[in-house]
Amino acid sequence: MVTLTLSNWLETAPDWVLSLPENLQRLLFQLYQTFIYQDRWTWFAQGLRITFIVTIGALILGIIIGLLVAMIRTAHDSQRMGKHNPVLGVLNALCKVYLAVIRGTPMMVQLLISCFVIMVPKDDFGSLICGIVTLGINSGAYVAEIARSGLMSISAGQMEAGRSLGLNYGKTMRYIIIPQAIKNILPALGNEMITLLKDTSLVSVIMLRDVTKQAQNIVANTYQPFVPYVSLAVIYLVIVLILTKLLGILERRLRASDRR
């Protein structure tokens, strides 16, 4: 296969390109190498698909884990003096260990241990599952504190009102407490999603071909890191700005609904 060089590209380039300064010619050549040559823009598109799959999957798993941990810790802390459930005590201790370990170790280390020591995936699908599970477990530790603060913000009278209606603890949490808490923590969950989106760039270390890994592959083929990595930064920036805008709209609607 013939290697594409600047001189080869200039031979087929339009006349207006030849009239540009040399630095601009080199920049256009790098843009051509990064996006047009061999349809490399599809590499970014495929990487973005993996990035979004990992982000959404990890966020859903993180919310499930976080809500469970938050409910256990809230139930344990809200017990009356002298009436302690030993099962809740054990579960609360396990939750504290989970939070300490996950929040006290870098995500990179967690990915390496999870995917090269515990799971050891054999193919791309296994790496995808490994990435989702690891990031979801990591996100769950932070969602747990967000959810716990939301549950604690609900007045204790709400729980008493539910119990007075004949609902048990689980149904009161499901139908009364959690819906109100979720409304309070939605903006914080949105920020966690943005953080998680950026953290997905770490899954490239487990050979998962997300958008970061695809940019690295392009650099390995072109030996020109400037355009691929700057383009990668722009892609993340645009996505984060869009999500931030959507979160702002959501927060305004929530504030408007509170005034009614």
C-alpha atoms as a PDB file:
ATOM      1  CA  MET A   1       0.000   0.000   0.000  1.00  0.00           C
ATOM      2  CA  VAL A   2       1.391   3.405  -1.027  1.00  0.00           C
ATOM      3  CA  THR A   3       1.891   5.783   1.893  1.00  0.00           C
ATOM      4  CA  LEU A   4       0.167   9.128   1.435  1.00  0.00           C
ATOM      5  CA  THR A   5       2.638  12.009   1.631  1.00  0.00           C
ATOM      6  CA  LEU A   6       2.263  15.757   1.357  1.00  0.00           C
ATOM      7  CA  SER A   7       3.883  15.831  -2.085  1.00  0.00           C
ATOM      8  CA  ASN A   8       1.603  13.062  -3.369  1.00  0.00           C
ATOM      9  CA  TRP A   9      -1.456  14.853  -2.047  1.00  0.00           C
ATOM     10  CA  LEU A  10      -0.427  18.187  -3.568  1.00  0.00           C
ATOM     11  CA  GLU A  11      -0.191  16.552  -6.991  1.00  0.00           C
ATOM     12  CA  THR A  12      -3.943  15.923  -6.947  1.00  0.00           C
ATOM     13  CA  ALA A  13      -4.947  18.978  -4.898  1.00  0.00           C
ATOM     14  CA  PRO A  14      -6.891  21.848  -6.543  1.00  0.00           C
ATOM     15  CA  ASP A  15      -5.043  24.966  -7.650  1.00  0.00           C
ATOM     16  CA  TRP A  16      -6.290  27.127  -4.791  1.00  0.00           C
ATOM     17  CA  VAL A  17      -4.541  24.802  -2.329  1.00  0.00           C
ATOM     18  CA  LEU A  18      -1.236  25.204  -4.182  1.00  0.00           C
ATOM     19  CA  SER A  19      -1.489  28.974  -3.819  1.00  0.00           C
ATOM     20  CA  LEU A  20      -1.716  28.787  -0.009  1.00  0.00           C
ATOM     21  CA  PRO A  21       1.261  29.251   2.340  1.00  0.00           C
ATOM     22  CA  GLU A  22       3.147  26.066   3.205  1.00  0.00           C
ATOM     23  CA  ASN A  23       1.883  25.970   6.810  1.00  0.00           C
ATOM     24  CA  LEU A  24      -1.747  26.065   5.643  1.00  0.00           C
ATOM     25  CA  GLN A  25      -1.027  23.363   3.093  1.00  0.00           C
ATOM     26  CA  ARG A  26       0.342  21.145   5.832  1.00  0.00           C
ATOM     27  CA  LEU A  27      -2.689  21.824   8.017  1.00  0.00           C
ATOM     28  CA  LEU A  28      -5.102  20.962   5.194  1.00  0.00           C
ATOM     29  CA  PHE A  29      -3.093  17.830   4.479  1.00  0.00           C
ATOM     30  CA  GLN A  30      -3.367  16.745   8.121  1.00  0.00           C
ATOM     31  CA  LEU A  31      -7.118  17.430   8.059  1.00  0.00           C
ATOM     32  CA  TYR A  32      -7.367  15.323   4.902  1.00  0.00           C
ATOM     33  CA  GLN A  33      -5.356  12.524   6.541  1.00  0.00           C
ATOM     34  CA  THR A  34      -7.473  12.652   9.694  1.00  0.00           C
ATOM     35  CA  PHE A  35     -10.976  12.759   8.215  1.00  0.00           C
ATOM     36  CA  ILE A  36     -11.100  12.159   4.445  1.00  0.00           C
ATOM     37  CA  TYR A  37      -8.371   9.651   3.602  1.00  0.00           C
ATOM     38  CA  GLN A  38      -9.716   6.072   3.842  1.00  0.00           C
ATOM     39  CA  ASP A  39     -12.989   7.517   5.244  1.00  0.00           C
ATOM     40  CA  ARG A  40     -11.373   8.016   8.625  1.00  0.00           C
ATOM     41  CA  TRP A  41     -14.253  10.208   9.749  1.00  0.00           C
ATOM     42  CA  THR A  42     -16.145   6.928  10.145  1.00  0.00           C
ATOM     43  CA  TRP A  43     -13.563   5.915  12.753  1.00  0.00           C
ATOM     44  CA  PHE A  44     -14.664   8.862  14.886  1.00  0.00           C
ATOM     45  CA  ALA A  45     -18.332   8.002  14.259  1.00  0.00           C
ATOM     46  CA  GLN A  46     -17.804   4.396  15.351  1.00  0.00           C
ATOM     47  CA  GLY A  47     -15.851   5.571  18.377  1.00  0.00           C
ATOM     48  CA  LEU A  48     -18.606   7.985  19.368  1.00  0.00           C
ATOM     49  CA  ARG A  49     -21.138   5.150  19.229  1.00  0.00           C
ATOM     50  CA  ILE A  50     -19.049   3.139  21.690  1.00  0.00           C
ATOM     51  CA  THR A  51     -18.558   6.224  23.869  1.00  0.00           C
ATOM     52  CA  PHE A  52     -22.305   6.865  24.083  1.00  0.00           C
ATOM     53  CA  ILE A  53     -23.076   3.182  24.754  1.00  0.00           C
ATOM     54  CA  VAL A  54     -20.564   3.083  27.612  1.00  0.00           C
ATOM     55  CA  THR A  55     -21.806   6.407  29.023  1.00  0.00           C
ATOM     56  CA  ILE A  56     -25.499   5.478  28.980  1.00  0.00           C
ATOM     57  CA  GLY A  57     -24.937   1.925  30.218  1.00  0.00           C
ATOM     58  CA  ALA A  58     -22.631   3.047  33.032  1.00  0.00           C
ATOM     59  CA  LEU A  59     -25.006   5.853  34.036  1.00  0.00           C
ATOM     60  CA  ILE A  60     -27.997   3.486  34.286  1.00  0.00           C
ATOM     61  CA  LEU A  61     -25.960   0.995  36.326  1.00  0.00           C
ATOM     62  CA  GLY A  62     -24.564   3.799  38.480  1.00  0.00           C
ATOM     63  CA  ILE A  63     -28.042   5.169  39.215  1.00  0.00           C
ATOM     64  CA  ILE A  64     -29.305   1.713  40.232  1.00  0.00           C
ATOM     65  CA  ILE A  65     -26.322   1.071  42.515  1.00  0.00           C
ATOM     66  CA  GLY A  66     -26.371   4.610  43.859  1.00  0.00           C
ATOM     67  CA  LEU A  67     -30.068   4.529  44.747  1.00  0.00           C
ATOM     68  CA  LEU A  68     -29.711   1.168  46.516  1.00  0.00           C
ATOM     69  CA  VAL A  69     -26.719   2.363  48.536  1.00  0.00           C
ATOM     70  CA  ALA A  70     -28.427   5.675  49.342  1.00  0.00           C
ATOM     71  CA  MET A  71     -31.614   3.935  50.502  1.00  0.00           C
ATOM     72  CA  ILE A  72     -29.658   1.550  52.740  1.00  0.00           C
ATOM     73  CA  ARG A  73     -27.611   4.334  54.314  1.00  0.00           C
ATOM     74  CA  THR A  74     -30.639   6.603  54.739  1.00  0.00           C
ATOM     75  CA  ALA A  75     -32.692   3.816  56.319  1.00  0.00           C
ATOM     76  CA  HIS A  76     -29.825   3.017  58.705  1.00  0.00           C
ATOM     77  CA  ASP A  77     -29.292   6.650  59.708  1.00  0.00           C
ATOM     78  CA  SER A  78     -33.020   7.259  60.243  1.00  0.00           C
ATOM     79  CA  GLN A  79     -33.446   4.429  62.773  1.00  0.00           C
ATOM     80  CA  ARG A  80     -34.709   5.441  66.171  1.00  0.00           C
ATOM     81  CA  MET A  81     -32.443   5.373  69.177  1.00  0.00           C
ATOM     82  CA  GLY A  82     -32.283   1.916  70.710  1.00  0.00           C
ATOM     83  CA  LYS A  83     -33.943   0.250  67.713  1.00  0.00           C
ATOM     84  CA  HIS A  84     -31.205  -0.862  65.348  1.00  0.00           C
ATOM     85  CA  ASN A  85     -31.749  -3.495  62.668  1.00  0.00           C
ATOM     86  CA  PRO A  86     -28.644  -5.744  62.589  1.00  0.00           C
ATOM     87  CA  VAL A  87     -29.151  -6.531  58.891  1.00  0.00           C
ATOM     88  CA  LEU A  88     -29.200  -2.817  58.075  1.00  0.00           C
ATOM     89  CA  GLY A  89     -26.066  -2.404  60.168  1.00  0.00           C
ATOM     90  CA  VAL A  90     -24.186  -5.008  58.130  1.00  0.00           C
ATOM     91  CA  LEU A  91     -25.447  -3.614  54.832  1.00  0.00           C
ATOM     92  CA  ASN A  92     -24.520  -0.073  55.884  1.00  0.00           C
ATOM     93  CA  ALA A  93     -21.000  -1.227  56.794  1.00  0.00           C
ATOM     94  CA  LEU A  94     -20.621  -2.894  53.388  1.00  0.00           C
ATOM     95  CA  CYS A  95     -21.836   0.284  51.685  1.00  0.00           C
ATOM     96  CA  LYS A  96     -19.260   2.341  53.579  1.00  0.00           C
ATOM     97  CA  VAL A  97     -16.485  -0.032  52.504  1.00  0.00           C
ATOM     98  CA  TYR A  98     -17.711   0.162  48.898  1.00  0.00           C
ATOM     99  CA  LEU A  99     -17.746   3.971  48.974  1.00  0.00           C
ATOM    100  CA  ALA A 100     -14.313   4.166  50.606  1.00  0.00           C
ATOM    101  CA  VAL A 101     -12.692   1.770  48.124  1.00  0.00           C
ATOM    102  CA  ILE A 102     -14.269   3.220  44.963  1.00  0.00           C
ATOM    103  CA  ARG A 103     -13.830   6.878  45.913  1.00  0.00           C
ATOM    104  CA  GLY A 104     -10.343   6.261  47.300  1.00  0.00           C
ATOM    105  CA  THR A 105      -8.798   4.633  44.215  1.00  0.00           C
ATOM    106  CA  PRO A 106      -8.286   6.085  40.703  1.00  0.00           C
ATOM    107  CA  MET A 107     -10.683   4.977  37.997  1.00  0.00           C
ATOM    108  CA  MET A 108      -7.741   4.000  35.801  1.00  0.00           C
ATOM    109  CA  VAL A 109      -6.585   1.513  38.439  1.00  0.00           C
ATOM    110  CA  GLN A 110     -10.127   0.166  38.793  1.00  0.00           C
ATOM    111  CA  LEU A 111     -10.324  -0.393  35.031  1.00  0.00           C
ATOM    112  CA  LEU A 112      -6.982  -2.193  34.957  1.00  0.00           C
ATOM    113  CA  ILE A 113      -7.899  -4.468  37.879  1.00  0.00           C
ATOM    114  CA  SER A 114     -11.409  -5.144  36.579  1.00  0.00           C
ATOM    115  CA  CYS A 115     -10.440  -5.907  32.992  1.00  0.00           C
ATOM    116  CA  PHE A 116      -7.027  -7.536  33.381  1.00  0.00           C
ATOM    117  CA  VAL A 117      -7.390  -9.295  36.747  1.00  0.00           C
ATOM    118  CA  ILE A 118     -11.077 -10.015  37.426  1.00  0.00           C
ATOM    119  CA  MET A 119     -13.052 -10.208  34.175  1.00  0.00           C
ATOM    120  CA  VAL A 120     -10.287 -10.626  31.552  1.00  0.00           C
ATOM    121  CA  PRO A 121     -12.488 -10.113  28.439  1.00  0.00           C
ATOM    122  CA  LYS A 122     -11.717 -12.225  25.361  1.00  0.00           C
ATOM    123  CA  ASP A 123     -13.288 -10.012  22.677  1.00  0.00           C
ATOM    124  CA  ASP A 124     -14.595  -6.501  21.967  1.00  0.00           C
ATOM    125  CA  PHE A 125     -18.012  -7.253  23.452  1.00  0.00           C
ATOM    126  CA  GLY A 126     -16.381  -8.467  26.652  1.00  0.00           C
ATOM    127  CA  SER A 127     -14.309  -5.282  26.810  1.00  0.00           C
ATOM    128  CA  LEU A 128     -17.487  -3.234  26.307  1.00  0.00           C
ATOM    129  CA  ILE A 129     -19.255  -5.006  29.181  1.00  0.00           C
ATOM    130  CA  CYS A 130     -16.162  -4.654  31.343  1.00  0.00           C
ATOM    131  CA  GLY A 131     -15.988  -0.925  30.646  1.00  0.00           C
ATOM    132  CA  ILE A 132     -19.692  -0.380  31.364  1.00  0.00           C
ATOM    133  CA  VAL A 133     -19.605  -2.391  34.604  1.00  0.00           C
ATOM    134  CA  THR A 134     -16.426  -0.742  35.904  1.00  0.00           C
ATOM    135  CA  LEU A 135     -17.540   2.803  35.118  1.00  0.00           C
ATOM    136  CA  GLY A 136     -21.025   2.024  36.440  1.00  0.00           C
ATOM    137  CA  ILE A 137     -19.647   0.774  39.760  1.00  0.00           C
ATOM    138  CA  ASN A 138     -17.430   3.843  39.988  1.00  0.00           C
ATOM    139  CA  SER A 139     -20.287   6.192  39.134  1.00  0.00           C
ATOM    140  CA  GLY A 140     -22.558   4.455  41.651  1.00  0.00           C
ATOM    141  CA  ALA A 141     -20.337   5.608  44.522  1.00  0.00           C
ATOM    142  CA  TYR A 142     -20.841   9.249  43.560  1.00  0.00           C
ATOM    143  CA  VAL A 143     -24.505   8.870  42.632  1.00  0.00           C
ATOM    144  CA  ALA A 144     -25.041   7.303  46.082  1.00  0.00           C
ATOM    145  CA  GLU A 145     -23.993  10.514  47.831  1.00  0.00           C
ATOM    146  CA  ILE A 146     -26.061  12.607  45.417  1.00  0.00           C
ATOM    147  CA  ALA A 147     -29.122  10.402  45.976  1.00  0.00           C
ATOM    148  CA  ARG A 148     -28.532  10.303  49.736  1.00  0.00           C
ATOM    149  CA  SER A 149     -28.513  14.094  49.920  1.00  0.00           C
ATOM    150  CA  GLY A 150     -31.747  14.127  47.896  1.00  0.00           C
ATOM    151  CA  LEU A 151     -33.424  11.613  50.197  1.00  0.00           C
ATOM    152  CA  MET A 152     -32.267  13.495  53.291  1.00  0.00           C
ATOM    153  CA  SER A 153     -33.710  16.725  51.867  1.00  0.00           C
ATOM    154  CA  ILE A 154     -37.245  15.280  52.003  1.00  0.00           C
ATOM    155  CA  SER A 155     -39.073  16.107  55.209  1.00  0.00           C
ATOM    156  CA  ALA A 156     -39.491  13.265  57.703  1.00  0.00           C
ATOM    157  CA  GLY A 157     -43.191  14.123  57.716  1.00  0.00           C
ATOM    158  CA  GLN A 158     -43.451  12.679  54.199  1.00  0.00           C
ATOM    159  CA  MET A 159     -42.437   9.251  55.495  1.00  0.00           C
ATOM    160  CA  GLU A 160     -44.857   9.529  58.411  1.00  0.00           C
ATOM    161  CA  ALA A 161     -47.659  10.560  56.041  1.00  0.00           C
ATOM    162  CA  GLY A 162     -47.033   7.511  53.892  1.00  0.00           C
ATOM    163  CA  ARG A 163     -46.991   5.181  56.880  1.00  0.00           C
ATOM    164  CA  SER A 164     -50.219   6.716  58.160  1.00  0.00           C
ATOM    165  CA  LEU A 165     -51.844   5.818  54.839  1.00  0.00           C
ATOM    166  CA  GLY A 166     -50.982   2.166  55.435  1.00  0.00           C
ATOM    167  CA  LEU A 167     -47.930   2.004  53.168  1.00  0.00           C
ATOM    168  CA  ASN A 168     -44.919   0.026  54.314  1.00  0.00           C
ATOM    169  CA  TYR A 169     -41.399   1.465  54.208  1.00  0.00           C
ATOM    170  CA  GLY A 170     -40.643   0.173  50.707  1.00  0.00           C
ATOM    171  CA  LYS A 171     -43.848   1.493  49.133  1.00  0.00           C
ATOM    172  CA  THR A 172     -43.485   4.845  50.891  1.00  0.00           C
ATOM    173  CA  MET A 173     -39.971   5.215  49.479  1.00  0.00           C
ATOM    174  CA  ARG A 174     -41.106   4.087  46.006  1.00  0.00           C
ATOM    175  CA  TYR A 175     -44.248   6.200  45.640  1.00  0.00           C
ATOM    176  CA  ILE A 176     -43.600   9.250  47.843  1.00  0.00           C
ATOM    177  CA  ILE A 177     -39.977   9.833  48.819  1.00  0.00           C
ATOM    178  CA  ILE A 178     -37.950   8.758  45.752  1.00  0.00           C
ATOM    179  CA  PRO A 179     -40.046  10.687  43.144  1.00  0.00           C
ATOM    180  CA  GLN A 180     -39.538  13.902  45.112  1.00  0.00           C
ATOM    181  CA  ALA A 181     -35.856  13.176  45.689  1.00  0.00           C
ATOM    182  CA  ILE A 182     -35.207  12.449  42.010  1.00  0.00           C
ATOM    183  CA  LYS A 183     -36.649  15.832  41.090  1.00  0.00           C
ATOM    184  CA  ASN A 184     -34.219  17.486  43.509  1.00  0.00           C
ATOM    185  CA  ILE A 185     -31.145  15.596  42.297  1.00  0.00           C
ATOM    186  CA  LEU A 186     -31.747  15.651  38.522  1.00  0.00           C
ATOM    187  CA  PRO A 187     -29.358  18.588  37.916  1.00  0.00           C
ATOM    188  CA  ALA A 188     -26.623  16.869  39.946  1.00  0.00           C
ATOM    189  CA  LEU A 189     -27.234  13.609  38.050  1.00  0.00           C
ATOM    190  CA  GLY A 190     -26.867  15.534  34.807  1.00  0.00           C
ATOM    191  CA  ASN A 191     -23.480  16.814  35.939  1.00  0.00           C
ATOM    192  CA  GLU A 192     -22.491  13.257  36.852  1.00  0.00           C
ATOM    193  CA  MET A 193     -23.432  12.169  33.332  1.00  0.00           C
ATOM    194  CA  ILE A 194     -21.139  14.851  31.865  1.00  0.00           C
ATOM    195  CA  THR A 195     -18.298  13.738  34.134  1.00  0.00           C
ATOM    196  CA  LEU A 196     -18.936  10.122  33.186  1.00  0.00           C
ATOM    197  CA  LEU A 197     -18.899  11.002  29.485  1.00  0.00           C
ATOM    198  CA  LYS A 198     -15.434  12.512  29.828  1.00  0.00           C
ATOM    199  CA  ASP A 199     -14.238   9.609  31.970  1.00  0.00           C
ATOM    200  CA  THR A 200     -15.104   7.163  29.185  1.00  0.00           C
ATOM    201  CA  SER A 201     -11.879   8.272  27.490  1.00  0.00           C
ATOM    202  CA  LEU A 202     -10.102   6.001  29.992  1.00  0.00           C
ATOM    203  CA  VAL A 203     -11.608   2.842  28.474  1.00  0.00           C
ATOM    204  CA  SER A 204      -9.074   3.144  25.665  1.00  0.00           C
ATOM    205  CA  VAL A 205      -6.559   1.502  28.041  1.00  0.00           C
ATOM    206  CA  ILE A 206      -8.558  -1.753  27.848  1.00  0.00           C
ATOM    207  CA  MET A 207      -8.386  -1.623  24.028  1.00  0.00           C
ATOM    208  CA  LEU A 208     -12.029  -0.581  23.713  1.00  0.00           C
ATOM    209  CA  ARG A 209     -12.332   1.395  20.494  1.00  0.00           C
ATOM    210  CA  ASP A 210     -14.081   4.486  21.806  1.00  0.00           C
ATOM    211  CA  VAL A 211     -13.563   7.891  20.205  1.00  0.00           C
ATOM    212  CA  THR A 212     -10.304   8.429  22.120  1.00  0.00           C
ATOM    213  CA  LYS A 213      -8.888   5.103  20.975  1.00  0.00           C
ATOM    214  CA  GLN A 214      -9.873   5.867  17.387  1.00  0.00           C
ATOM    215  CA  ALA A 215      -8.011   9.177  17.565  1.00  0.00           C
ATOM    216  CA  GLN A 216      -4.963   7.277  18.833  1.00  0.00           C
ATOM    217  CA  ASN A 217      -5.302   4.833  15.918  1.00  0.00           C
ATOM    218  CA  ILE A 218      -5.339   7.719  13.441  1.00  0.00           C
ATOM    219  CA  VAL A 219      -2.210   9.188  15.047  1.00  0.00           C
ATOM    220  CA  ALA A 220      -0.532   5.781  14.743  1.00  0.00           C
ATOM    221  CA  ASN A 221      -1.292   5.788  11.022  1.00  0.00           C
ATOM    222  CA  THR A 222      -0.438   9.420  10.232  1.00  0.00           C
ATOM    223  CA  TYR A 223       2.290  10.172  12.799  1.00  0.00           C
ATOM    224  CA  GLN A 224       0.636  13.595  13.093  1.00  0.00           C
ATOM    225  CA  PRO A 225      -0.923  14.063  16.572  1.00  0.00           C
ATOM    226  CA  PHE A 226      -2.024  17.698  16.282  1.00  0.00           C
ATOM    227  CA  VAL A 227      -5.229  17.463  14.228  1.00  0.00           C
ATOM    228  CA  PRO A 228      -6.550  14.132  15.614  1.00  0.00           C
ATOM    229  CA  TYR A 229      -6.125  15.118  19.262  1.00  0.00           C
ATOM    230  CA  VAL A 230      -7.390  18.688  18.800  1.00  0.00           C
ATOM    231  CA  SER A 231     -10.380  17.280  16.898  1.00  0.00           C
ATOM    232  CA  LEU A 232     -10.968  14.846  19.764  1.00  0.00           C
ATOM    233  CA  ALA A 233     -10.981  17.721  22.254  1.00  0.00           C
ATOM    234  CA  VAL A 234     -13.432  19.669  20.074  1.00  0.00           C
ATOM    235  CA  ILE A 235     -15.752  16.641  19.851  1.00  0.00           C
ATOM    236  CA  TYR A 236     -15.860  16.270  23.638  1.00  0.00           C
ATOM    237  CA  LEU A 237     -16.292  20.030  24.083  1.00  0.00           C
ATOM    238  CA  VAL A 238     -19.226  20.226  21.669  1.00  0.00           C
ATOM    239  CA  ILE A 239     -20.987  17.275  23.312  1.00  0.00           C
ATOM    240  CA  VAL A 240     -20.461  18.711  26.800  1.00  0.00           C
ATOM    241  CA  LEU A 241     -21.722  22.154  25.734  1.00  0.00           C
ATOM    242  CA  ILE A 242     -24.865  20.578  24.246  1.00  0.00           C
ATOM    243  CA  LEU A 243     -25.499  18.545  27.404  1.00  0.00           C
ATOM    244  CA  THR A 244     -24.859  21.601  29.587  1.00  0.00           C
ATOM    245  CA  LYS A 245     -27.392  23.585  27.564  1.00  0.00           C
ATOM    246  CA  LEU A 246     -29.970  20.810  27.919  1.00  0.00           C
ATOM    247  CA  LEU A 247     -29.328  20.647  31.667  1.00  0.00           C
ATOM    248  CA  GLY A 248     -29.854  24.394  31.920  1.00  0.00           C
ATOM    249  CA  ILE A 249     -33.223  24.065  30.183  1.00  0.00           C
ATOM    250  CA  LEU A 250     -34.164  21.214  32.531  1.00  0.00           C
ATOM    251  CA  GLU A 251     -33.208  23.228  35.630  1.00  0.00           C
ATOM    252  CA  ARG A 252     -35.266  26.225  34.478  1.00  0.00           C
ATOM    253  CA  ARG A 253     -38.295  24.007  33.911  1.00  0.00           C
ATOM    254  CA  LEU A 254     -37.880  22.442  37.342  1.00  0.00           C
ATOM    255  CA  ARG A 255     -37.687  25.879  38.974  1.00  0.00           C
ATOM    256  CA  ALA A 256     -40.757  26.985  37.026  1.00  0.00           C
ATOM    257  CA  SER A 257     -42.717  23.928  38.181  1.00  0.00           C
ATOM    258  CA  ASP A 258     -41.747  24.647  41.808  1.00  0.00           C
ATOM    259  CA  ARG A 259     -43.280  28.126  41.600  1.00  0.00           C
ATOM    260  CA  ARG A 260     -46.673  26.791  40.521  1.00  0.00           C
END
